[in-house]
Amino acid sequence: MATMHTRSNSTFPARLVQTGAATAAAAVVGAWATNPDGAWYRSLTLPSWQPPRTAFPVVWTALYTGLAVTSAAVLARHDMEAGSGSATAQTHRSGFQRALTTNLVLNAGWSVIFWRLRNPALASLEAAALAASTIDLARRAAREDGRLGASLVPYAAWTMFAKVLTSAIAKRNPRPTD
């Protein structure tokens, strides 16, 4: 995780509460929607290279934590710059906030589409949007500090992997199963 300039520390705690709450909300929706013990999921043909079930909560917890901390750091830096009257910083801050919100909605939405709607094909398309959103979020963070952008690379890589995995599941299960 990149270190923050001392001047940006004043809003970091408040931003961490905000980004932590937003990220936790997405995680709660995702957890609510997920049902790997259900008959529908057990009926699917899954690729042999799918990670074990236990990997998903471990990976997502780490990724969500990193996303919340990195996003708080980016927003705190934007706050510092916007506080000095920079219109560009205000625009970047608003853009990052919208991008983060979009990303979290897409993230939670994947779980609803895959697990609740039981639609791997649509979830695959949604996963592509999530991966693109995550890459954009990393790009926006890197614009502030390359280390902040780099800290989101694991999240971007995982969402790209999720797209590939979801597509493989959709291909192996062409018709929705109940």
C-alpha atoms as a PDB file:
ATOM      1  CA  MET A   1       0.000   0.000   0.000  1.00  0.00           C
ATOM      2  CA  ALA A   2       1.346   3.400  -0.911  1.00  0.00           C
ATOM      3  CA  THR A   3       2.138   5.856   1.832  1.00  0.00           C
ATOM      4  CA  MET A   4       0.102   9.018   1.911  1.00  0.00           C
ATOM      5  CA  HIS A   5       1.436  12.523   2.145  1.00  0.00           C
ATOM      6  CA  THR A   6       1.014  13.852   5.682  1.00  0.00           C
ATOM      7  CA  ARG A   7      -1.272  16.638   4.492  1.00  0.00           C
ATOM      8  CA  SER A   8      -3.847  14.163   3.155  1.00  0.00           C
ATOM      9  CA  ASN A   9      -4.118  12.292   6.470  1.00  0.00           C
ATOM     10  CA  SER A  10      -6.713  14.725   7.843  1.00  0.00           C
ATOM     11  CA  THR A  11      -9.582  13.311   5.735  1.00  0.00           C
ATOM     12  CA  PHE A  12      -8.269   9.751   5.401  1.00  0.00           C
ATOM     13  CA  PRO A  13     -10.041   8.343   8.501  1.00  0.00           C
ATOM     14  CA  ALA A  14     -13.420   9.737   7.429  1.00  0.00           C
ATOM     15  CA  ARG A  15     -12.872   8.548   3.872  1.00  0.00           C
ATOM     16  CA  LEU A  16     -11.924   5.081   5.144  1.00  0.00           C
ATOM     17  CA  VAL A  17     -15.193   4.891   7.071  1.00  0.00           C
ATOM     18  CA  GLN A  18     -17.080   5.861   3.892  1.00  0.00           C
ATOM     19  CA  THR A  19     -15.263   3.521   1.532  1.00  0.00           C
ATOM     20  CA  GLY A  20     -15.259   0.746   4.112  1.00  0.00           C
ATOM     21  CA  ALA A  21     -19.025   1.039   4.583  1.00  0.00           C
ATOM     22  CA  ALA A  22     -19.677   1.107   0.832  1.00  0.00           C
ATOM     23  CA  THR A  23     -17.402  -1.876   0.237  1.00  0.00           C
ATOM     24  CA  ALA A  24     -18.958  -3.769   3.138  1.00  0.00           C
ATOM     25  CA  ALA A  25     -22.425  -3.115   1.700  1.00  0.00           C
ATOM     26  CA  ALA A  26     -21.368  -4.644  -1.630  1.00  0.00           C
ATOM     27  CA  ALA A  27     -19.889  -7.614   0.232  1.00  0.00           C
ATOM     28  CA  VAL A  28     -23.094  -8.124   2.225  1.00  0.00           C
ATOM     29  CA  VAL A  29     -25.231  -8.114  -0.926  1.00  0.00           C
ATOM     30  CA  GLY A  30     -22.834 -10.550  -2.580  1.00  0.00           C
ATOM     31  CA  ALA A  31     -22.842 -12.854   0.433  1.00  0.00           C
ATOM     32  CA  TRP A  32     -26.642 -12.695   0.669  1.00  0.00           C
ATOM     33  CA  ALA A  33     -27.035 -13.660  -2.986  1.00  0.00           C
ATOM     34  CA  THR A  34     -24.474 -16.482  -2.975  1.00  0.00           C
ATOM     35  CA  ASN A  35     -25.626 -20.063  -2.415  1.00  0.00           C
ATOM     36  CA  PRO A  36     -22.986 -22.650  -3.362  1.00  0.00           C
ATOM     37  CA  ASP A  37     -24.894 -25.339  -1.452  1.00  0.00           C
ATOM     38  CA  GLY A  38     -28.064 -24.932  -3.515  1.00  0.00           C
ATOM     39  CA  ALA A  39     -29.288 -27.602  -5.924  1.00  0.00           C
ATOM     40  CA  TRP A  40     -29.031 -25.254  -8.917  1.00  0.00           C
ATOM     41  CA  TYR A  41     -25.338 -24.545  -8.410  1.00  0.00           C
ATOM     42  CA  ARG A  42     -24.513 -28.160  -7.637  1.00  0.00           C
ATOM     43  CA  SER A  43     -26.195 -29.130 -10.928  1.00  0.00           C
ATOM     44  CA  LEU A  44     -23.840 -26.963 -12.983  1.00  0.00           C
ATOM     45  CA  THR A  45     -20.895 -28.347 -14.895  1.00  0.00           C
ATOM     46  CA  LEU A  46     -17.888 -26.401 -13.603  1.00  0.00           C
ATOM     47  CA  PRO A  47     -14.391 -26.170 -15.104  1.00  0.00           C
ATOM     48  CA  SER A  48     -11.748 -28.334 -13.466  1.00  0.00           C
ATOM     49  CA  TRP A  49      -9.579 -25.258 -12.873  1.00  0.00           C
ATOM     50  CA  GLN A  50     -12.129 -23.435 -10.709  1.00  0.00           C
ATOM     51  CA  PRO A  51     -10.570 -22.515  -7.349  1.00  0.00           C
ATOM     52  CA  PRO A  52     -11.838 -24.352  -4.275  1.00  0.00           C
ATOM     53  CA  ARG A  53     -14.857 -22.856  -2.503  1.00  0.00           C
ATOM     54  CA  THR A  54     -12.743 -21.802   0.457  1.00  0.00           C
ATOM     55  CA  ALA A  55     -10.623 -19.522  -1.747  1.00  0.00           C
ATOM     56  CA  PHE A  56     -13.455 -17.138  -2.595  1.00  0.00           C
ATOM     57  CA  PRO A  57     -14.167 -15.601   0.847  1.00  0.00           C
ATOM     58  CA  VAL A  58     -10.446 -15.317   1.585  1.00  0.00           C
ATOM     59  CA  VAL A  59      -9.663 -13.625  -1.727  1.00  0.00           C
ATOM     60  CA  TRP A  60     -12.691 -11.333  -1.645  1.00  0.00           C
ATOM     61  CA  THR A  61     -12.004 -10.215   1.921  1.00  0.00           C
ATOM     62  CA  ALA A  62      -8.449  -9.208   0.981  1.00  0.00           C
ATOM     63  CA  LEU A  63      -9.560  -7.517  -2.238  1.00  0.00           C
ATOM     64  CA  TYR A  64     -12.409  -5.598  -0.597  1.00  0.00           C
ATOM     65  CA  THR A  65     -10.087  -4.448   2.189  1.00  0.00           C
ATOM     66  CA  GLY A  66      -7.507  -3.240  -0.315  1.00  0.00           C
ATOM     67  CA  LEU A  67     -10.194  -1.510  -2.361  1.00  0.00           C
ATOM     68  CA  ALA A  68     -11.548   0.354   0.676  1.00  0.00           C
ATOM     69  CA  VAL A  69      -8.106   1.470   1.881  1.00  0.00           C
ATOM     70  CA  THR A  70      -6.834   2.469  -1.557  1.00  0.00           C
ATOM     71  CA  SER A  71     -10.046   4.315  -2.403  1.00  0.00           C
ATOM     72  CA  ALA A  72      -9.886   6.199   0.896  1.00  0.00           C
ATOM     73  CA  ALA A  73      -6.302   7.214   0.154  1.00  0.00           C
ATOM     74  CA  VAL A  74      -7.201   8.408  -3.359  1.00  0.00           C
ATOM     75  CA  LEU A  75     -10.188  10.399  -2.105  1.00  0.00           C
ATOM     76  CA  ALA A  76      -8.183  11.920   0.780  1.00  0.00           C
ATOM     77  CA  ARG A  77      -5.585  13.131  -1.712  1.00  0.00           C
ATOM     78  CA  HIS A  78      -8.311  14.573  -3.907  1.00  0.00           C
ATOM     79  CA  ASP A  79      -9.792  16.278  -0.832  1.00  0.00           C
ATOM     80  CA  MET A  80      -6.438  17.881  -0.073  1.00  0.00           C
ATOM     81  CA  GLU A  81      -6.032  19.134  -3.637  1.00  0.00           C
ATOM     82  CA  ALA A  82      -9.661  20.235  -3.965  1.00  0.00           C
ATOM     83  CA  GLY A  83      -9.341  22.112  -0.672  1.00  0.00           C
ATOM     84  CA  SER A  84      -6.729  24.315  -2.295  1.00  0.00           C
ATOM     85  CA  GLY A  85      -9.286  25.304  -4.942  1.00  0.00           C
ATOM     86  CA  SER A  86      -8.205  22.991  -7.725  1.00  0.00           C
ATOM     87  CA  ALA A  87     -11.104  22.455 -10.128  1.00  0.00           C
ATOM     88  CA  THR A  88      -9.235  19.525 -11.677  1.00  0.00           C
ATOM     89  CA  ALA A  89      -8.975  17.822  -8.281  1.00  0.00           C
ATOM     90  CA  GLN A  90     -12.694  18.333  -7.683  1.00  0.00           C
ATOM     91  CA  THR A  91     -13.452  16.795 -11.078  1.00  0.00           C
ATOM     92  CA  HIS A  92     -11.105  13.861 -10.410  1.00  0.00           C
ATOM     93  CA  ARG A  93     -12.621  13.320  -6.951  1.00  0.00           C
ATOM     94  CA  SER A  94     -16.172  13.271  -8.345  1.00  0.00           C
ATOM     95  CA  GLY A  95     -15.095  10.972 -11.157  1.00  0.00           C
ATOM     96  CA  PHE A  96     -13.392   8.563  -8.773  1.00  0.00           C
ATOM     97  CA  GLN A  97     -16.414   8.505  -6.461  1.00  0.00           C
ATOM     98  CA  ARG A  98     -18.728   7.699  -9.395  1.00  0.00           C
ATOM     99  CA  ALA A  99     -16.323   5.043 -10.664  1.00  0.00           C
ATOM    100  CA  LEU A 100     -16.103   3.436  -7.205  1.00  0.00           C
ATOM    101  CA  THR A 101     -19.887   3.431  -6.790  1.00  0.00           C
ATOM    102  CA  THR A 102     -20.348   1.926 -10.251  1.00  0.00           C
ATOM    103  CA  ASN A 103     -17.737  -0.716  -9.492  1.00  0.00           C
ATOM    104  CA  LEU A 104     -19.352  -1.737  -6.210  1.00  0.00           C
ATOM    105  CA  VAL A 105     -22.818  -1.921  -7.819  1.00  0.00           C
ATOM    106  CA  LEU A 106     -21.412  -4.094 -10.607  1.00  0.00           C
ATOM    107  CA  ASN A 107     -19.588  -6.243  -8.078  1.00  0.00           C
ATOM    108  CA  ALA A 108     -22.708  -6.911  -6.002  1.00  0.00           C
ATOM    109  CA  GLY A 109     -24.777  -7.206  -9.176  1.00  0.00           C
ATOM    110  CA  TRP A 110     -22.735 -10.123 -10.456  1.00  0.00           C
ATOM    111  CA  SER A 111     -23.749 -12.216  -7.451  1.00  0.00           C
ATOM    112  CA  VAL A 112     -27.408 -11.363  -7.894  1.00  0.00           C
ATOM    113  CA  ILE A 113     -27.350 -12.163 -11.615  1.00  0.00           C
ATOM    114  CA  PHE A 114     -25.390 -15.400 -11.268  1.00  0.00           C
ATOM    115  CA  TRP A 115     -26.832 -16.819  -8.050  1.00  0.00           C
ATOM    116  CA  ARG A 116     -30.339 -15.362  -7.759  1.00  0.00           C
ATOM    117  CA  LEU A 117     -31.266 -15.011 -11.441  1.00  0.00           C
ATOM    118  CA  ARG A 118     -29.298 -18.188 -12.208  1.00  0.00           C
ATOM    119  CA  ASN A 119     -28.060 -16.727 -15.458  1.00  0.00           C
ATOM    120  CA  PRO A 120     -24.359 -17.484 -16.088  1.00  0.00           C
ATOM    121  CA  ALA A 121     -24.474 -16.032 -19.624  1.00  0.00           C
ATOM    122  CA  LEU A 122     -25.759 -12.660 -18.420  1.00  0.00           C
ATOM    123  CA  ALA A 123     -23.393 -12.822 -15.431  1.00  0.00           C
ATOM    124  CA  SER A 124     -20.527 -13.301 -17.903  1.00  0.00           C
ATOM    125  CA  LEU A 125     -21.458 -10.069 -19.676  1.00  0.00           C
ATOM    126  CA  GLU A 126     -21.796  -8.340 -16.322  1.00  0.00           C
ATOM    127  CA  ALA A 127     -18.379  -9.699 -15.282  1.00  0.00           C
ATOM    128  CA  ALA A 128     -16.870  -8.090 -18.386  1.00  0.00           C
ATOM    129  CA  ALA A 129     -18.341  -4.753 -17.315  1.00  0.00           C
ATOM    130  CA  LEU A 130     -17.011  -5.304 -13.778  1.00  0.00           C
ATOM    131  CA  ALA A 131     -13.505  -6.071 -15.067  1.00  0.00           C
ATOM    132  CA  ALA A 132     -13.546  -2.950 -17.274  1.00  0.00           C
ATOM    133  CA  SER A 133     -14.786  -0.900 -14.327  1.00  0.00           C
ATOM    134  CA  THR A 134     -12.027  -2.259 -12.095  1.00  0.00           C
ATOM    135  CA  ILE A 135      -9.343  -1.469 -14.665  1.00  0.00           C
ATOM    136  CA  ASP A 136     -10.762   2.071 -14.912  1.00  0.00           C
ATOM    137  CA  LEU A 137     -10.686   2.412 -11.121  1.00  0.00           C
ATOM    138  CA  ALA A 138      -7.026   1.322 -11.047  1.00  0.00           C
ATOM    139  CA  ARG A 139      -6.253   3.801 -13.836  1.00  0.00           C
ATOM    140  CA  ARG A 140      -7.914   6.609 -11.903  1.00  0.00           C
ATOM    141  CA  ALA A 141      -6.003   5.700  -8.732  1.00  0.00           C
ATOM    142  CA  ALA A 142      -2.721   5.551 -10.684  1.00  0.00           C
ATOM    143  CA  ARG A 143      -3.357   9.058 -11.992  1.00  0.00           C
ATOM    144  CA  GLU A 144      -3.114  10.206  -8.363  1.00  0.00           C
ATOM    145  CA  ASP A 145      -0.194   7.945  -7.443  1.00  0.00           C
ATOM    146  CA  GLY A 146       1.195   4.994  -9.379  1.00  0.00           C
ATOM    147  CA  ARG A 147       1.493   2.942  -6.201  1.00  0.00           C
ATOM    148  CA  LEU A 148      -2.201   3.412  -5.461  1.00  0.00           C
ATOM    149  CA  GLY A 149      -3.068   2.223  -8.959  1.00  0.00           C
ATOM    150  CA  ALA A 150      -0.735  -0.746  -8.563  1.00  0.00           C
ATOM    151  CA  SER A 151      -2.454  -1.699  -5.315  1.00  0.00           C
ATOM    152  CA  LEU A 152      -5.671  -2.286  -7.297  1.00  0.00           C
ATOM    153  CA  VAL A 153      -4.016  -4.576  -9.861  1.00  0.00           C
ATOM    154  CA  PRO A 154      -4.835  -7.755  -7.868  1.00  0.00           C
ATOM    155  CA  TYR A 155      -8.499  -6.710  -7.796  1.00  0.00           C
ATOM    156  CA  ALA A 156      -8.447  -6.050 -11.537  1.00  0.00           C
ATOM    157  CA  ALA A 157      -6.750  -9.400 -12.175  1.00  0.00           C
ATOM    158  CA  TRP A 158      -9.316 -11.242 -10.041  1.00  0.00           C
ATOM    159  CA  THR A 159     -12.263  -9.596 -11.810  1.00  0.00           C
ATOM    160  CA  MET A 160     -10.742 -10.539 -15.171  1.00  0.00           C
ATOM    161  CA  PHE A 161     -10.351 -14.104 -13.891  1.00  0.00           C
ATOM    162  CA  ALA A 162     -13.991 -13.981 -12.726  1.00  0.00           C
ATOM    163  CA  LYS A 163     -15.010 -13.017 -16.265  1.00  0.00           C
ATOM    164  CA  VAL A 164     -13.116 -15.985 -17.736  1.00  0.00           C
ATOM    165  CA  LEU A 165     -14.516 -18.375 -15.115  1.00  0.00           C
ATOM    166  CA  THR A 166     -18.082 -17.146 -15.536  1.00  0.00           C
ATOM    167  CA  SER A 167     -17.790 -17.463 -19.323  1.00  0.00           C
ATOM    168  CA  ALA A 168     -16.528 -21.022 -18.943  1.00  0.00           C
ATOM    169  CA  ILE A 169     -19.464 -21.883 -16.686  1.00  0.00           C
ATOM    170  CA  ALA A 170     -21.911 -20.266 -19.130  1.00  0.00           C
ATOM    171  CA  LYS A 171     -20.415 -22.227 -22.033  1.00  0.00           C
ATOM    172  CA  ARG A 172     -20.664 -25.533 -20.142  1.00  0.00           C
ATOM    173  CA  ASN A 173     -24.249 -24.773 -19.080  1.00  0.00           C
ATOM    174  CA  PRO A 174     -25.933 -23.205 -22.111  1.00  0.00           C
ATOM    175  CA  ARG A 175     -29.489 -23.344 -20.762  1.00  0.00           C
ATOM    176  CA  PRO A 176     -30.578 -22.037 -17.356  1.00  0.00           C
ATOM    177  CA  THR A 177     -31.139 -24.906 -14.953  1.00  0.00           C
ATOM    178  CA  ASP A 178     -33.551 -24.863 -12.032  1.00  0.00           C
END
